[in-house]
Amino acid sequence: MNHSVTVEVPATSANLGPGFDSLGLALTYFDEVTVELAGTGVEIVIEGEGADLADLGEEHLIVKVFRLAWSRIGGAPDPRGLRLTCVNRIPHSRGMGSSSAAIVAGITAARALHPASEGFSDDDALALATEIEGHPDNVAPCLAGGLTIAWTGEDTGTRLVRLDVDVPVTVFVPDQRLATERARGLLPETVSHADAAANSARAALLIAALTSKLGYDVLLDATEDRLHQSYRAPAMPGSAALVERLRRAGVPAVISGAGPTVLAFGWPTPGWPETEAGNGWDMHRLNVSPFGARVQPRDSRTR
């Protein structure tokens, strides 16, 4: 049995405008997590984002998820001790799937180290990740890569469809953080039939636009949203204003996940209003990652 494993997990962006709680993209921005079965106790070393969480011990999210996944797989004694080493790049509480990355890392590491994991399928991993996260829109692309459509059937449970997408994106990450729970608390209990119908049409158009390369003019229409972004705007006025400025300039821009990061399809070129972001934004030119969580070779090195 292996005693250590290194897992690479991508950042993700969910919703993508109209695809509320269903659409997600894996992005080429990664955390690396090494889990080692140790003698006793829990030792955590964190480099980068979330370094202040190194003292949480058994309460660290990856540790809790690892132990839960290990027990769900079953058939082997629980590890007495764990050594966790994290190289974190995904910003926390910014709408780029940091908690989903932690959850998926814990599950993937448990599957890689557990001696009886053959019976624990990809569907089982998605179901457990969704159970922990509460919704599948971020964990789906983190597991599968690409563009994912995720849903929960009454009889079939949580499922996903993965689509290959080759489109560059730019993320504008602000200094401020925003807890997902706060962002969700701003959503209304009901929306109008007209807004729901508009979002349904835009979500279908967005999938067609991303998979058929229909052009940025179509993407601008396809990323229009009426279900969540305007309601969350008071909690992130700077992000809402940046989305509006970019869209007014013809750039298909959305709030990434629950925010406050802004995602725009495309990379800045001389024609882009690159300077309109202003100060206080950390800009990253990324691609859609073709893969989700994956176990790294033993001789791999940190990026």
Protein backbone atom coordinates (compact mmCIF):
# COMPACT_ATOMS: atom_id res chain seq x y z
CA MET A 1 0.00 0.00 0.00
CA ASN A 2 1.20 3.49 -0.87
CA HIS A 3 1.83 5.72 2.13
CA SER A 4 1.84 9.12 0.44
CA VAL A 5 0.28 10.78 -2.58
CA THR A 6 0.36 14.21 -4.21
CA VAL A 7 -2.83 15.48 -5.81
CA GLU A 8 -3.21 18.46 -8.15
CA VAL A 9 -6.62 20.15 -8.16
CA PRO A 10 -7.77 23.01 -10.42
CA ALA A 11 -9.49 26.24 -9.59
CA THR A 12 -13.03 26.40 -10.92
CA SER A 13 -15.56 29.01 -11.94
CA ALA A 14 -19.25 28.24 -11.60
CA ASN A 15 -22.53 29.74 -12.80
CA LEU A 16 -20.84 31.49 -15.77
CA GLY A 17 -23.70 33.97 -15.82
CA PRO A 18 -26.97 32.09 -16.48
CA GLY A 19 -25.87 28.58 -15.43
CA PHE A 20 -26.71 29.04 -11.76
CA ASP A 21 -25.69 26.00 -9.66
CA SER A 22 -25.24 23.87 -12.78
CA LEU A 23 -22.42 25.05 -15.08
CA GLY A 24 -18.74 25.10 -14.18
CA LEU A 25 -15.30 25.44 -15.75
CA ALA A 26 -11.99 23.96 -14.59
CA LEU A 27 -9.21 26.54 -14.89
CA THR A 28 -5.45 26.25 -15.35
CA TYR A 29 -4.66 27.42 -11.84
CA PHE A 30 -3.83 24.68 -9.36
CA ASP A 31 -3.37 23.73 -5.73
CA GLU A 32 -1.10 20.81 -4.85
CA VAL A 33 -1.81 18.65 -1.82
CA THR A 34 0.40 15.88 -0.46
CA VAL A 35 -1.13 13.47 2.05
CA GLU A 36 1.10 11.03 3.90
CA LEU A 37 -0.04 8.29 6.24
CA ALA A 38 1.90 8.86 9.44
CA GLY A 39 2.19 7.30 12.88
CA THR A 40 -0.10 9.38 15.07
CA GLY A 41 -1.58 12.87 15.15
CA VAL A 42 -2.01 15.39 12.37
CA GLU A 43 0.74 17.63 11.02
CA ILE A 44 -0.16 20.34 8.49
CA VAL A 45 2.20 22.54 6.49
CA ILE A 46 0.66 25.17 4.20
CA GLU A 47 2.41 27.42 1.72
CA GLY A 48 0.44 30.27 0.16
CA GLU A 49 -3.28 30.81 0.60
CA GLY A 50 -4.76 29.64 3.90
CA ALA A 51 -1.46 29.37 5.74
CA ASP A 52 -3.27 30.61 8.86
CA LEU A 53 -5.26 27.35 8.89
CA ALA A 54 -2.24 25.11 9.49
CA ASP A 55 -3.03 24.71 13.20
CA LEU A 56 -6.55 23.32 12.72
CA GLY A 57 -5.46 19.70 12.93
CA GLU A 58 -8.38 17.30 12.60
CA GLU A 59 -10.69 20.25 11.84
CA HIS A 60 -8.87 21.15 8.63
CA LEU A 61 -11.25 20.61 5.71
CA ILE A 62 -8.96 18.32 3.72
CA VAL A 63 -8.28 16.17 6.79
CA LYS A 64 -11.99 15.86 7.58
CA VAL A 65 -12.87 15.01 3.99
CA PHE A 66 -10.02 12.51 3.70
CA ARG A 67 -11.19 10.67 6.80
CA LEU A 68 -14.82 10.72 5.69
CA ALA A 69 -13.94 9.39 2.23
CA TRP A 70 -11.72 6.71 3.77
CA SER A 71 -14.58 5.52 5.98
CA ARG A 72 -17.08 5.57 3.08
CA ILE A 73 -14.78 3.37 1.01
CA GLY A 74 -14.57 1.01 4.00
CA GLY A 75 -12.75 -2.25 4.53
CA ALA A 76 -9.58 -0.84 6.10
CA PRO A 77 -8.69 0.62 9.50
CA ASP A 78 -8.70 4.40 9.72
CA PRO A 79 -5.20 5.92 9.48
CA ARG A 80 -4.00 6.95 12.93
CA GLY A 81 -1.92 9.88 11.75
CA LEU A 82 -1.70 12.15 8.72
CA ARG A 83 0.87 14.56 7.40
CA LEU A 84 -0.62 17.17 5.08
CA THR A 85 1.45 19.50 2.88
CA CYS A 86 -0.42 22.09 0.79
CA VAL A 87 0.87 24.47 -1.86
CA ASN A 88 -2.16 26.72 -2.26
CA ARG A 89 -2.57 29.14 -5.16
CA ILE A 90 -6.35 29.31 -5.49
CA PRO A 91 -7.58 32.45 -3.67
CA HIS A 92 -9.86 31.76 -0.72
CA SER A 93 -13.42 33.14 -0.55
CA ARG A 94 -13.13 34.73 -3.98
CA GLY A 95 -15.46 32.59 -6.10
CA MET A 96 -12.78 30.36 -7.63
CA GLY A 97 -13.67 27.09 -5.94
CA SER A 98 -11.09 26.90 -3.15
CA SER A 99 -13.35 24.86 -0.87
CA SER A 100 -14.30 22.52 -3.72
CA ALA A 101 -10.61 22.05 -4.48
CA ALA A 102 -9.97 21.10 -0.85
CA ILE A 103 -12.90 18.67 -0.83
CA VAL A 104 -11.88 17.04 -4.09
CA ALA A 105 -8.25 16.84 -2.96
CA GLY A 106 -9.27 14.99 0.20
CA ILE A 107 -11.45 12.52 -1.70
CA THR A 108 -8.89 11.94 -4.44
CA ALA A 109 -6.09 11.36 -1.94
CA ALA A 110 -8.20 8.88 0.02
CA ARG A 111 -9.03 6.96 -3.16
CA ALA A 112 -5.36 6.86 -4.12
CA LEU A 113 -4.16 5.61 -0.72
CA HIS A 114 -7.00 3.32 0.36
CA PRO A 115 -6.21 -0.38 -0.34
CA ALA A 116 -9.84 -1.16 -1.29
CA SER A 117 -10.80 1.86 -3.35
CA GLU A 118 -11.58 -0.07 -6.55
CA GLY A 119 -15.25 -0.21 -5.60
CA PHE A 120 -15.46 3.55 -5.02
CA SER A 121 -16.36 4.97 -8.43
CA ASP A 122 -16.15 8.41 -10.01
CA ASP A 123 -19.91 8.69 -9.45
CA ASP A 124 -19.36 7.90 -5.77
CA ALA A 125 -16.71 10.61 -5.57
CA LEU A 126 -19.05 13.16 -7.18
CA ALA A 127 -21.88 12.20 -4.83
CA LEU A 128 -19.69 12.55 -1.73
CA ALA A 129 -18.17 15.84 -2.89
CA THR A 130 -21.63 17.25 -3.58
CA GLU A 131 -22.89 16.05 -0.19
CA ILE A 132 -20.07 17.93 1.54
CA GLU A 133 -20.16 21.08 -0.63
CA GLY A 134 -23.95 21.26 -0.84
CA HIS A 135 -24.16 21.71 -4.62
CA PRO A 136 -22.24 20.19 -7.56
CA ASP A 137 -21.40 23.17 -9.79
CA ASN A 138 -17.80 23.60 -8.56
CA VAL A 139 -16.91 20.06 -7.51
CA ALA A 140 -17.96 18.66 -10.91
CA PRO A 141 -15.35 20.52 -13.00
CA CYS A 142 -12.78 20.10 -10.23
CA LEU A 143 -13.22 16.33 -10.56
CA ALA A 144 -13.71 16.04 -14.32
CA GLY A 145 -12.07 19.08 -15.92
CA GLY A 146 -13.38 21.00 -18.91
CA LEU A 147 -16.88 22.45 -18.95
CA THR A 148 -19.35 20.51 -16.84
CA ILE A 149 -23.11 20.46 -16.58
CA ALA A 150 -24.15 19.02 -13.21
CA TRP A 151 -27.55 18.12 -11.86
CA THR A 152 -29.21 15.90 -9.26
CA GLY A 153 -31.88 13.46 -10.38
CA GLU A 154 -34.58 12.28 -8.03
CA ASP A 155 -33.72 8.63 -8.64
CA THR A 156 -30.26 8.84 -10.18
CA GLY A 157 -28.50 11.16 -7.73
CA THR A 158 -25.89 13.73 -8.71
CA ARG A 159 -24.49 13.40 -12.21
CA LEU A 160 -22.39 15.39 -14.64
CA VAL A 161 -21.72 15.76 -18.32
CA ARG A 162 -18.24 16.91 -19.30
CA LEU A 163 -17.62 18.88 -22.50
CA ASP A 164 -14.32 19.84 -24.10
CA VAL A 165 -13.91 23.60 -24.36
CA ASP A 166 -10.98 25.53 -25.79
CA VAL A 167 -11.49 29.15 -24.80
CA PRO A 168 -9.14 31.49 -22.94
CA VAL A 169 -10.40 33.34 -19.89
CA THR A 170 -9.20 36.23 -17.78
CA VAL A 171 -9.96 36.42 -14.08
CA PHE A 172 -9.85 39.66 -12.09
CA VAL A 173 -9.33 38.78 -8.43
CA PRO A 174 -9.99 41.58 -5.89
CA ASP A 175 -8.44 41.98 -2.47
CA GLN A 176 -11.78 41.59 -0.71
CA ARG A 177 -13.23 38.25 0.28
CA LEU A 178 -16.86 37.19 0.24
CA ALA A 179 -18.21 34.14 2.03
CA THR A 180 -20.43 31.97 -0.18
CA GLU A 181 -23.00 31.76 2.60
CA ARG A 182 -23.37 35.55 2.63
CA ALA A 183 -23.72 35.68 -1.15
CA ARG A 184 -26.39 32.99 -1.11
CA GLY A 185 -28.25 34.80 1.64
CA LEU A 186 -28.88 37.72 -0.72
CA LEU A 187 -30.84 35.63 -3.21
CA PRO A 188 -34.64 35.94 -3.28
CA GLU A 189 -36.92 33.01 -2.52
CA THR A 190 -38.69 33.36 -5.88
CA VAL A 191 -38.00 34.90 -9.29
CA SER A 192 -40.32 35.82 -12.13
CA HIS A 193 -41.26 33.36 -14.85
CA ALA A 194 -39.83 35.77 -17.43
CA ASP A 195 -36.43 35.86 -15.71
CA ALA A 196 -36.36 32.07 -15.35
CA ALA A 197 -37.22 31.64 -19.04
CA ALA A 198 -34.55 34.14 -20.07
CA ASN A 199 -31.90 32.33 -18.06
CA SER A 200 -32.91 28.95 -19.47
CA ALA A 201 -32.44 30.28 -22.99
CA ARG A 202 -29.13 31.95 -22.17
CA ALA A 203 -27.74 28.82 -20.46
CA ALA A 204 -28.53 26.72 -23.54
CA LEU A 205 -26.99 29.37 -25.79
CA LEU A 206 -23.88 29.54 -23.59
CA ILE A 207 -23.20 25.82 -23.99
CA ALA A 208 -23.60 26.14 -27.75
CA ALA A 209 -21.36 29.22 -27.85
CA LEU A 210 -18.57 27.61 -25.81
CA THR A 211 -18.59 24.29 -27.64
CA SER A 212 -19.14 25.60 -31.19
CA LYS A 213 -16.98 28.75 -31.10
CA LEU A 214 -19.84 30.97 -32.19
CA GLY A 215 -17.94 34.16 -31.39
CA TYR A 216 -17.73 36.73 -28.62
CA ASP A 217 -20.80 38.62 -29.83
CA VAL A 218 -22.89 35.52 -29.12
CA LEU A 219 -21.04 34.94 -25.84
CA LEU A 220 -22.01 38.42 -24.71
CA ASP A 221 -25.70 37.55 -25.08
CA ALA A 222 -25.14 34.03 -23.73
CA THR A 223 -23.59 35.25 -20.45
CA GLU A 224 -26.50 37.52 -19.53
CA ASP A 225 -27.97 36.60 -16.14
CA ARG A 226 -31.17 37.51 -14.29
CA LEU A 227 -31.14 35.05 -11.40
CA HIS A 228 -28.27 35.89 -9.08
CA GLN A 229 -25.72 38.52 -10.08
CA SER A 230 -27.84 41.63 -9.59
CA TYR A 231 -29.08 40.42 -6.20
CA ARG A 232 -25.51 39.86 -4.99
CA ALA A 233 -24.20 43.17 -6.34
CA PRO A 234 -24.63 45.11 -3.04
CA ALA A 235 -22.12 42.75 -1.39
CA MET A 236 -19.50 43.35 -4.12
CA PRO A 237 -20.15 46.71 -5.77
CA GLY A 238 -16.67 46.91 -7.27
CA SER A 239 -17.07 43.55 -8.98
CA ALA A 240 -20.54 44.41 -10.26
CA ALA A 241 -19.23 47.70 -11.65
CA LEU A 242 -16.31 45.95 -13.40
CA VAL A 243 -18.67 43.42 -15.01
CA GLU A 244 -20.83 46.27 -16.24
CA ARG A 245 -17.85 48.17 -17.66
CA LEU A 246 -16.48 45.14 -19.45
CA ARG A 247 -19.84 44.15 -20.90
CA ARG A 248 -20.49 47.68 -22.05
CA ALA A 249 -17.19 47.43 -23.95
CA GLY A 250 -18.35 44.19 -25.61
CA VAL A 251 -16.46 41.78 -23.35
CA PRO A 252 -18.46 38.74 -22.12
CA ALA A 253 -17.88 39.10 -18.37
CA VAL A 254 -19.58 37.48 -15.36
CA ILE A 255 -19.18 37.11 -11.63
CA SER A 256 -17.14 33.96 -10.99
CA GLY A 257 -19.13 31.64 -8.75
CA ALA A 258 -20.47 33.55 -5.76
CA GLY A 259 -17.87 36.30 -6.32
CA PRO A 260 -16.22 38.64 -5.92
CA THR A 261 -13.81 37.52 -8.69
CA VAL A 262 -14.81 38.60 -12.20
CA LEU A 263 -14.32 36.22 -15.12
CA ALA A 264 -14.15 37.40 -18.73
CA PHE A 265 -14.01 35.15 -21.76
CA GLY A 266 -10.90 35.94 -23.80
CA TRP A 267 -7.48 37.39 -23.06
CA PRO A 268 -6.75 41.10 -23.02
CA THR A 269 -5.56 42.39 -26.37
CA PRO A 270 -4.88 45.97 -27.51
CA GLY A 271 -8.61 46.26 -28.15
CA TRP A 272 -9.57 45.31 -24.61
CA PRO A 273 -10.25 47.96 -21.95
CA GLU A 274 -7.42 46.50 -19.89
CA THR A 275 -6.92 49.65 -17.86
CA GLU A 276 -10.57 49.88 -16.85
CA ALA A 277 -10.12 47.30 -14.11
CA GLY A 278 -8.26 49.90 -12.07
CA ASN A 279 -6.20 49.21 -8.97
CA GLY A 280 -6.85 46.45 -6.48
CA TRP A 281 -7.31 43.64 -9.03
CA ASP A 282 -4.97 40.72 -9.55
CA MET A 283 -5.39 39.71 -13.20
CA HIS A 284 -4.64 36.18 -14.48
CA ARG A 285 -4.76 34.97 -18.08
CA LEU A 286 -5.88 31.34 -17.95
CA ASN A 287 -7.24 28.52 -20.07
CA VAL A 288 -9.88 25.89 -19.44
CA SER A 289 -8.12 22.91 -17.88
CA PRO A 290 -8.77 19.70 -19.85
CA PHE A 291 -8.35 17.65 -16.69
CA GLY A 292 -9.67 17.77 -13.17
CA ALA A 293 -8.06 16.39 -10.02
CA ARG A 294 -5.21 14.04 -10.75
CA VAL A 295 -2.57 12.14 -8.84
CA GLN A 296 0.92 13.38 -9.60
CA PRO A 297 3.82 11.03 -10.39
CA ARG A 298 6.03 10.36 -7.42
CA ASP A 299 8.98 12.19 -9.00
CA SER A 300 6.94 15.32 -9.84
CA ARG A 301 8.00 18.68 -8.49
CA THR A 302 5.94 21.61 -7.32
CA ARG A 303 5.29 24.12 -10.08
